[in-house]
Amino acid sequence: MNEFNLSKLNARVGDNCVFVSNLAVRYQSAATPEERMAMAIKMENAATMLRIAAERLATETKNVYEGGSNEES
């Protein structure tokens, strides 16, 4: 993976953050318990996807920059 791909992965993490935030707003404005439950399930799924993307970003960032610094040593 290169820095351009890291940038794309970083953008995906940012997009997921915005999506979770929007779901939280929708959860707060839900009128019925059923709507709240549906939003809670969607938030849980979105948060899981965010966690996975963030872990991948961290791992790939480490691989790209550690690999580069090891080659220079």
Protein backbone atom coordinates (compact mmCIF):
# COMPACT_ATOMS: atom_id res chain seq x y z
CA MET A 1 0.00 0.00 0.00
CA ASN A 2 1.24 3.51 -0.73
CA GLU A 3 0.49 6.97 0.66
CA PHE A 4 -2.25 7.60 -1.92
CA ASN A 5 -4.12 4.49 -0.79
CA LEU A 6 -3.64 5.57 2.83
CA SER A 7 -5.27 8.86 1.93
CA LYS A 8 -8.26 7.05 0.43
CA LEU A 9 -8.53 4.83 3.51
CA ASN A 10 -8.31 7.89 5.75
CA ALA A 11 -11.14 9.52 3.78
CA ARG A 12 -13.24 6.37 4.27
CA VAL A 13 -12.67 6.57 8.04
CA GLY A 14 -13.75 10.23 7.99
CA ASP A 15 -16.85 9.40 5.97
CA ASN A 16 -17.75 6.64 8.43
CA CYS A 17 -17.38 9.11 11.31
CA VAL A 18 -19.79 11.51 9.63
CA PHE A 19 -22.23 8.65 8.94
CA VAL A 20 -22.22 7.54 12.60
CA SER A 21 -22.71 11.15 13.67
CA ASN A 22 -25.70 11.54 11.35
CA LEU A 23 -27.22 8.33 12.69
CA ALA A 24 -26.80 9.65 16.23
CA VAL A 25 -28.73 12.79 15.31
CA ARG A 26 -31.46 10.67 13.72
CA TYR A 27 -31.55 8.50 16.86
CA GLN A 28 -32.10 11.55 19.05
CA SER A 29 -34.97 12.74 16.90
CA ALA A 30 -36.66 9.33 16.61
CA ALA A 31 -40.27 9.54 17.74
CA THR A 32 -40.99 5.92 18.63
CA PRO A 33 -39.13 3.17 20.45
CA GLU A 34 -39.11 1.16 17.21
CA GLU A 35 -37.40 3.99 15.34
CA ARG A 36 -34.87 4.35 18.14
CA MET A 37 -34.13 0.63 18.05
CA ALA A 38 -33.68 0.71 14.27
CA MET A 39 -31.28 3.67 14.56
CA ALA A 40 -29.40 1.96 17.39
CA ILE A 41 -28.88 -1.14 15.24
CA LYS A 42 -27.71 0.99 12.31
CA MET A 43 -25.34 2.91 14.60
CA GLU A 44 -23.91 -0.32 15.97
CA ASN A 45 -23.27 -1.65 12.46
CA ALA A 46 -21.77 1.64 11.30
CA ALA A 47 -19.56 1.83 14.41
CA THR A 48 -18.28 -1.67 13.69
CA MET A 49 -17.42 -0.68 10.13
CA LEU A 50 -15.69 2.45 11.45
CA ARG A 51 -13.65 0.38 13.90
CA ILE A 52 -12.57 -2.03 11.16
CA ALA A 53 -11.58 0.80 8.80
CA ALA A 54 -9.69 2.62 11.58
CA GLU A 55 -7.80 -0.54 12.53
CA ARG A 56 -6.89 -1.14 8.90
CA LEU A 57 -5.75 2.48 8.54
CA ALA A 58 -3.56 2.15 11.63
CA THR A 59 -2.03 -1.12 10.44
CA GLU A 60 -1.40 0.09 6.89
CA THR A 61 0.02 3.41 8.12
CA LYS A 62 2.41 1.52 10.36
CA ASN A 63 3.43 -0.76 7.48
CA VAL A 64 4.00 2.11 5.04
CA TYR A 65 5.98 4.35 7.38
CA GLU A 66 7.88 1.67 9.29
CA GLY A 67 8.84 0.06 6.00
CA GLY A 68 10.13 3.40 4.72
CA SER A 69 12.11 4.16 7.86
CA ASN A 70 13.64 0.66 7.95
CA GLU A 71 14.86 1.05 4.38
CA GLU A 72 16.59 4.32 5.24
CA SER A 73 18.46 2.85 8.22
